[in-house]
Amino acid sequence: MNEWSLLIFTYMMNAAAGLCVMSGVFAVHLSRCLPADSFKRFMMLTIFIICTIAGAGSVASITHLGVPLNAPNAVNNVFSAWLSREVVVTAAFVGALGVSFLWLWKTGKFSFLLYGGAMAVGLADIFCMASIYRYTSILTWNDINTYLMFYGTTLTLGAVLFVPVVMVIRKAGHRAGITLPADTLSLSQLWLLWGVMAVSLIGRLLYQPFYAHYLTRTQLTHKSITFPLSPIEAYDSIAGLRIGVWGAAVIGVALCGISLVRAQKKARSGLPVCAGFISGCLLTIAAEFMLRYVFYYIHI
C-alpha cells in the first residue's frame, strides 16, 4: 500500500470538515450558555484547530505530487477534472474558515452566516474528494459505497473529536481566558453526538452486503482495467482485516454509548470523562483510520 500521503490527506480533511460541521451545529447552544468573551475565544481556538488539521492534511497531499512545485498545475482542469475541483474547493474551505476567524477576531462577533458557508464548502469538498475515486478505473471504488465511506468518516470523526476538544478546552482553556462550565455539553447533547456516530456506522454497515454483491457481479462481468493491479482480489484478500476493523468500530461506538448509559444512571451532568468513554473515542478514531487504509488497499 503506497498511498499513505493520500490516506493521511483524505482522513485529515474528513476530520476537519466533520469538526467544522459539529462545532457549527453546537455553536448556537454554546453562544447561549457561555459568556460572550469565552464563546468568542472558544470558537477562535476551534477554528484554529480545524485549520491546523486541514493544513497538516494538505502538506501530506503535496508529498504525493512528486515535485511539490508542480502543485499549481493541479487546478488547470477545474471544469473537467474532479481532482482540480477538489483542490479549488479545499482551498475555498480553508479560506472560508480563515474569513470566519478574522471576522470573529476583528469584530468580536461570531458570524453564523460565514461559518455556515464554511460548513457547506467543507461538505462540498468531501463530495469532490469522494468523486475523484468514484469516477476512476479502480473497480472497488466505482460504487456509491465510496461516498458513504467518506461522508461516514466525516460525521463520525466530527462527533468523536468535538467532545475531546470541549474537554481539553474546559480543563486548560483558562490559560486563554476561556471559561467552560462542567455542563457545557449535557448528557442529551452527548447522546446526540453519539447518535451521529451510531447512525454513520450502522448506515455504512447496512450497505456492505449490497457492496459485496456489486463486487461479485462486477468481478464476473468485468476484467481489471488497472493492470497490474487487481483491486477486487486485493480487497478480498484482507477479509479478516476488514472484519476486524468493522468490529473495532462497533466496539468503539458501543463503549461510548455504555459510558453515557452509566453516566445517566448516576444522574451526572457534564462530560462523562471516564476510561470507557475515552477508550471508545480513541478506538473509533483508530478504526476510521484503518477503514481508510482498507479503502486504499488495492495492491496484491
Protein backbone atom coordinates (compact mmCIF):
# COMPACT_ATOMS: atom_id res chain seq x y z
CA MET A 1 0.00 0.00 0.00
CA ASN A 2 1.83 3.09 -1.24
CA GLU A 3 -0.88 5.73 -0.91
CA TRP A 4 -0.04 6.91 2.60
CA SER A 5 0.08 10.59 1.66
CA LEU A 6 -3.40 10.45 0.12
CA LEU A 7 -4.69 8.38 3.03
CA ILE A 8 -3.49 10.96 5.54
CA PHE A 9 -4.78 13.86 3.43
CA THR A 10 -8.29 12.49 2.97
CA TYR A 11 -8.50 11.33 6.58
CA MET A 12 -7.41 14.71 7.94
CA MET A 13 -9.74 16.63 5.63
CA ASN A 14 -12.62 14.39 6.70
CA ALA A 15 -11.75 15.19 10.31
CA ALA A 16 -11.51 18.93 9.60
CA ALA A 17 -14.83 19.07 7.74
CA GLY A 18 -16.55 16.93 10.37
CA LEU A 19 -15.28 19.03 13.27
CA CYS A 20 -16.36 22.18 11.42
CA VAL A 21 -19.88 20.80 10.98
CA MET A 22 -20.24 19.65 14.58
CA SER A 23 -18.85 22.85 16.07
CA GLY A 24 -21.20 24.82 13.84
CA VAL A 25 -24.19 22.75 14.89
CA PHE A 26 -23.42 23.36 18.57
CA ALA A 27 -22.40 27.00 18.12
CA VAL A 28 -25.94 28.23 18.79
CA HIS A 29 -26.10 26.34 22.08
CA LEU A 30 -22.63 27.47 23.12
CA SER A 31 -23.38 31.10 22.28
CA ARG A 32 -26.28 30.98 24.73
CA CYS A 33 -24.64 29.15 27.63
CA LEU A 34 -21.17 30.76 27.54
CA PRO A 35 -20.11 34.31 28.34
CA ALA A 36 -19.59 36.31 25.15
CA ASP A 37 -15.81 36.52 25.55
CA SER A 38 -15.46 32.80 26.34
CA PHE A 39 -17.61 31.88 23.35
CA LYS A 40 -15.52 34.11 21.08
CA ARG A 41 -12.24 32.60 22.29
CA PHE A 42 -13.65 29.07 22.16
CA MET A 43 -14.71 29.40 18.52
CA MET A 44 -11.43 31.07 17.56
CA LEU A 45 -9.48 28.23 19.11
CA THR A 46 -11.75 25.63 17.49
CA ILE A 47 -11.34 27.22 14.06
CA PHE A 48 -7.58 27.29 14.61
CA ILE A 49 -7.62 23.57 15.43
CA ILE A 50 -9.67 22.81 12.31
CA CYS A 51 -7.29 24.81 10.12
CA THR A 52 -4.31 23.04 11.69
CA ILE A 53 -5.82 19.65 10.89
CA ALA A 54 -6.64 20.72 7.32
CA GLY A 55 -3.17 22.23 6.90
CA ALA A 56 -1.46 19.06 8.06
CA GLY A 57 -3.52 17.05 5.59
CA SER A 58 -2.68 19.45 2.76
CA VAL A 59 1.04 19.16 3.49
CA ALA A 60 0.74 15.39 3.29
CA SER A 61 -1.05 15.63 -0.07
CA ILE A 62 1.74 17.75 -1.56
CA THR A 63 4.23 14.94 -0.94
CA HIS A 64 2.15 12.77 -3.28
CA LEU A 65 2.87 15.08 -6.23
CA GLY A 66 6.49 14.02 -6.51
CA VAL A 67 7.52 17.59 -7.40
CA PRO A 68 5.73 19.96 -4.97
CA LEU A 69 6.43 22.96 -7.23
CA ASN A 70 4.03 21.42 -9.74
CA ALA A 71 1.12 21.79 -7.28
CA PRO A 72 -0.37 24.85 -9.08
CA ASN A 73 -0.84 22.69 -12.19
CA ALA A 74 -3.45 20.65 -10.29
CA VAL A 75 -6.06 23.39 -10.86
CA ASN A 76 -5.65 23.59 -14.61
CA ASN A 77 -8.66 21.37 -15.36
CA VAL A 78 -11.17 22.65 -12.83
CA PHE A 79 -14.04 22.41 -15.34
CA SER A 80 -13.36 18.82 -16.34
CA ALA A 81 -11.47 17.01 -13.56
CA TRP A 82 -12.63 16.19 -10.05
CA LEU A 83 -9.05 16.46 -8.79
CA SER A 84 -8.82 20.09 -9.85
CA ARG A 85 -12.23 20.80 -8.36
CA GLU A 86 -11.18 19.22 -5.09
CA VAL A 87 -8.04 21.37 -4.91
CA VAL A 88 -10.05 24.53 -5.50
CA VAL A 89 -12.81 23.62 -3.05
CA THR A 90 -10.28 22.59 -0.38
CA ALA A 91 -8.63 26.00 -0.71
CA ALA A 92 -12.07 27.63 -0.53
CA PHE A 93 -12.87 25.65 2.63
CA VAL A 94 -9.71 26.76 4.41
CA GLY A 95 -10.26 30.28 3.11
CA ALA A 96 -13.83 30.37 4.44
CA LEU A 97 -12.57 29.25 7.84
CA GLY A 98 -9.94 31.97 7.73
CA VAL A 99 -12.53 34.63 6.91
CA SER A 100 -14.72 33.41 9.78
CA PHE A 101 -11.72 33.59 12.13
CA LEU A 102 -10.75 37.09 11.03
CA TRP A 103 -14.32 38.36 11.28
CA LEU A 104 -14.61 37.00 14.80
CA TRP A 105 -11.23 38.41 15.77
CA LYS A 106 -11.83 41.88 14.36
CA THR A 107 -15.50 42.39 15.26
CA GLY A 108 -15.74 40.20 18.34
CA LYS A 109 -18.96 38.71 16.92
CA PHE A 110 -19.36 35.21 15.57
CA SER A 111 -20.94 35.16 12.09
CA PHE A 112 -23.22 32.14 11.77
CA LEU A 113 -23.61 33.02 8.09
CA LEU A 114 -19.89 32.92 7.36
CA TYR A 115 -19.35 29.77 9.40
CA GLY A 116 -22.38 28.13 7.83
CA GLY A 117 -20.80 28.85 4.46
CA ALA A 118 -17.59 27.19 5.62
CA MET A 119 -19.58 24.14 6.71
CA ALA A 120 -21.27 23.91 3.30
CA VAL A 121 -17.97 24.29 1.45
CA GLY A 122 -16.42 21.62 3.69
CA LEU A 123 -19.17 19.14 2.84
CA ALA A 124 -18.79 20.02 -0.85
CA ASP A 125 -15.07 19.35 -0.51
CA ILE A 126 -15.80 15.84 0.75
CA PHE A 127 -18.08 15.27 -2.24
CA CYS A 128 -15.36 16.37 -4.67
CA MET A 129 -12.82 14.24 -2.85
CA ALA A 130 -15.01 11.14 -3.00
CA SER A 131 -15.87 11.78 -6.66
CA ILE A 132 -12.19 11.56 -7.59
CA TYR A 133 -12.27 7.90 -6.56
CA ARG A 134 -15.84 7.18 -7.59
CA TYR A 135 -15.08 8.03 -11.22
CA THR A 136 -11.85 6.11 -11.76
CA SER A 137 -10.88 2.78 -13.29
CA ILE A 138 -10.45 1.15 -9.86
CA LEU A 139 -13.37 -1.28 -9.70
CA THR A 140 -13.60 -1.33 -5.90
CA TRP A 141 -14.22 2.43 -5.91
CA ASN A 142 -16.85 2.60 -8.69
CA ASP A 143 -19.81 2.42 -6.34
CA ILE A 144 -21.87 4.67 -4.09
CA ASN A 145 -20.07 2.99 -1.19
CA THR A 146 -17.23 5.45 -1.81
CA TYR A 147 -19.49 8.38 -0.93
CA LEU A 148 -20.88 6.54 2.10
CA MET A 149 -17.41 5.81 3.43
CA PHE A 150 -16.16 9.38 3.01
CA TYR A 151 -19.22 11.08 4.48
CA GLY A 152 -19.50 8.43 7.19
CA THR A 153 -15.93 9.07 8.29
CA THR A 154 -16.55 12.82 8.20
CA LEU A 155 -19.58 12.64 10.50
CA THR A 156 -18.03 10.10 12.86
CA LEU A 157 -14.74 11.96 13.27
CA GLY A 158 -16.58 15.24 13.71
CA ALA A 159 -18.69 13.84 16.55
CA VAL A 160 -15.80 11.97 18.17
CA LEU A 161 -13.35 14.87 18.01
CA PHE A 162 -15.75 17.57 19.19
CA VAL A 163 -16.06 16.04 22.65
CA PRO A 164 -12.28 15.90 23.36
CA VAL A 165 -11.92 19.46 22.03
CA VAL A 166 -14.52 20.70 24.53
CA MET A 167 -13.00 18.55 27.28
CA VAL A 168 -9.45 19.82 26.73
CA ILE A 169 -10.53 23.46 26.43
CA ARG A 170 -12.60 23.13 29.60
CA LYS A 171 -9.58 21.88 31.54
CA ALA A 172 -6.89 24.10 30.04
CA GLY A 173 -8.86 26.94 28.49
CA HIS A 174 -8.43 29.27 31.46
CA ARG A 175 -4.93 29.96 30.18
CA ALA A 176 -6.52 31.53 27.09
CA GLY A 177 -9.27 33.27 29.04
CA ILE A 178 -11.90 30.62 28.25
CA THR A 179 -14.26 29.52 30.99
CA LEU A 180 -16.40 26.49 30.23
CA PRO A 181 -18.85 25.19 32.86
CA ALA A 182 -18.96 21.48 33.64
CA ASP A 183 -22.32 21.14 31.89
CA THR A 184 -21.22 22.79 28.64
CA LEU A 185 -22.35 19.61 26.93
CA SER A 186 -25.32 17.98 28.65
CA LEU A 187 -25.97 14.26 28.52
CA SER A 188 -28.73 14.80 25.98
CA GLN A 189 -26.30 16.60 23.71
CA LEU A 190 -23.71 13.89 24.19
CA TRP A 191 -26.38 11.38 23.22
CA LEU A 192 -26.97 13.42 20.08
CA LEU A 193 -23.28 13.23 19.20
CA TRP A 194 -23.29 9.52 19.92
CA GLY A 195 -26.35 9.16 17.69
CA VAL A 196 -24.42 10.73 14.82
CA MET A 197 -21.63 8.21 15.36
CA ALA A 198 -24.04 5.29 15.57
CA VAL A 199 -26.13 6.24 12.53
CA SER A 200 -22.99 6.84 10.48
CA LEU A 201 -21.60 3.44 11.39
CA ILE A 202 -24.85 1.50 11.06
CA GLY A 203 -25.65 3.11 7.72
CA ARG A 204 -22.32 2.02 6.27
CA LEU A 205 -22.60 -1.45 7.74
CA LEU A 206 -26.09 -1.97 6.32
CA TYR A 207 -24.83 -1.12 2.85
CA GLN A 208 -21.92 -3.59 2.93
CA PRO A 209 -23.98 -6.60 1.70
CA PHE A 210 -25.07 -4.54 -1.32
CA TYR A 211 -21.45 -3.50 -1.87
CA ALA A 212 -20.34 -7.15 -1.68
CA HIS A 213 -23.00 -8.02 -4.27
CA TYR A 214 -21.69 -5.24 -6.51
CA LEU A 215 -18.13 -6.56 -6.22
CA THR A 216 -19.21 -10.12 -7.01
CA ARG A 217 -21.27 -9.05 -10.02
CA THR A 218 -18.51 -6.77 -11.26
CA GLN A 219 -15.87 -9.46 -10.91
CA LEU A 220 -17.95 -11.81 -13.05
CA THR A 221 -18.68 -9.28 -15.79
CA HIS A 222 -15.53 -7.12 -15.90
CA LYS A 223 -11.83 -7.63 -16.13
CA SER A 224 -9.38 -5.46 -14.24
CA ILE A 225 -8.54 -2.39 -16.28
CA THR A 226 -5.84 -1.27 -13.87
CA PHE A 227 -3.12 -3.77 -14.79
CA PRO A 228 -1.02 -4.87 -12.93
CA LEU A 229 -3.47 -4.12 -10.11
CA SER A 230 -6.34 -6.45 -9.22
CA PRO A 231 -8.35 -4.35 -6.77
CA ILE A 232 -11.19 -6.81 -6.12
CA GLU A 233 -8.79 -9.70 -5.45
CA ALA A 234 -6.76 -7.44 -3.17
CA TYR A 235 -9.92 -6.36 -1.37
CA ASP A 236 -10.99 -9.98 -0.87
CA SER A 237 -7.54 -10.91 0.41
CA ILE A 238 -7.95 -8.73 3.51
CA ALA A 239 -11.35 -10.03 4.56
CA GLY A 240 -10.03 -10.77 8.05
CA LEU A 241 -8.66 -7.26 8.44
CA ARG A 242 -11.90 -5.71 7.22
CA ILE A 243 -14.00 -7.72 9.66
CA GLY A 244 -11.63 -6.83 12.49
CA VAL A 245 -11.73 -3.12 11.67
CA TRP A 246 -15.53 -3.04 11.44
CA GLY A 247 -15.63 -4.90 14.75
CA ALA A 248 -13.31 -2.35 16.35
CA ALA A 249 -15.52 0.49 15.07
CA VAL A 250 -18.60 -1.16 16.58
CA ILE A 251 -16.84 -1.71 19.91
CA GLY A 252 -15.62 1.90 19.98
CA VAL A 253 -19.09 3.33 19.42
CA ALA A 254 -20.57 0.83 21.88
CA LEU A 255 -18.07 1.83 24.60
CA CYS A 256 -19.05 5.47 24.21
CA GLY A 257 -22.73 4.55 24.44
CA ILE A 258 -22.21 2.37 27.51
CA SER A 259 -20.37 5.22 29.22
CA LEU A 260 -23.32 7.54 28.57
CA VAL A 261 -25.75 4.96 29.95
CA ARG A 262 -23.72 4.66 33.14
CA ALA A 263 -23.47 8.45 33.45
CA GLN A 264 -27.23 8.76 33.02
CA LYS A 265 -27.91 6.15 35.69
CA LYS A 266 -25.74 8.09 38.10
CA ALA A 267 -27.62 11.29 37.18
CA ARG A 268 -24.40 13.10 36.41
CA SER A 269 -24.28 16.25 34.30
CA GLY A 270 -21.47 17.40 32.06
CA LEU A 271 -18.88 15.34 30.23
CA PRO A 272 -18.71 11.72 31.43
CA VAL A 273 -14.92 11.66 31.43
CA CYS A 274 -14.11 8.05 32.19
CA ALA A 275 -11.75 5.42 30.87
CA GLY A 276 -14.52 3.70 28.90
CA PHE A 277 -15.62 6.83 27.08
CA ILE A 278 -12.08 7.95 26.24
CA SER A 279 -11.17 4.42 25.13
CA GLY A 280 -14.25 4.34 22.90
CA CYS A 281 -13.29 7.64 21.26
CA LEU A 282 -9.69 6.55 20.67
CA LEU A 283 -10.77 3.17 19.31
CA THR A 284 -13.27 4.81 16.97
CA ILE A 285 -10.64 7.23 15.65
CA ALA A 286 -8.21 4.35 15.04
CA ALA A 287 -10.92 2.23 13.40
CA GLU A 288 -11.84 5.03 11.00
CA PHE A 289 -8.18 5.37 10.05
CA MET A 290 -7.96 1.65 9.35
CA LEU A 291 -11.17 1.77 7.31
CA ARG A 292 -9.47 4.36 5.13
CA TYR A 293 -6.43 2.05 4.91
CA VAL A 294 -8.72 -0.73 3.69
CA PHE A 295 -10.17 1.67 1.12
CA TYR A 296 -6.73 2.33 -0.36
CA TYR A 297 -5.57 -1.28 -0.18
CA ILE A 298 -5.68 -2.18 -3.88
CA HIS A 299 -2.32 -3.85 -4.33
CA ILE A 300 -1.86 -7.62 -4.12
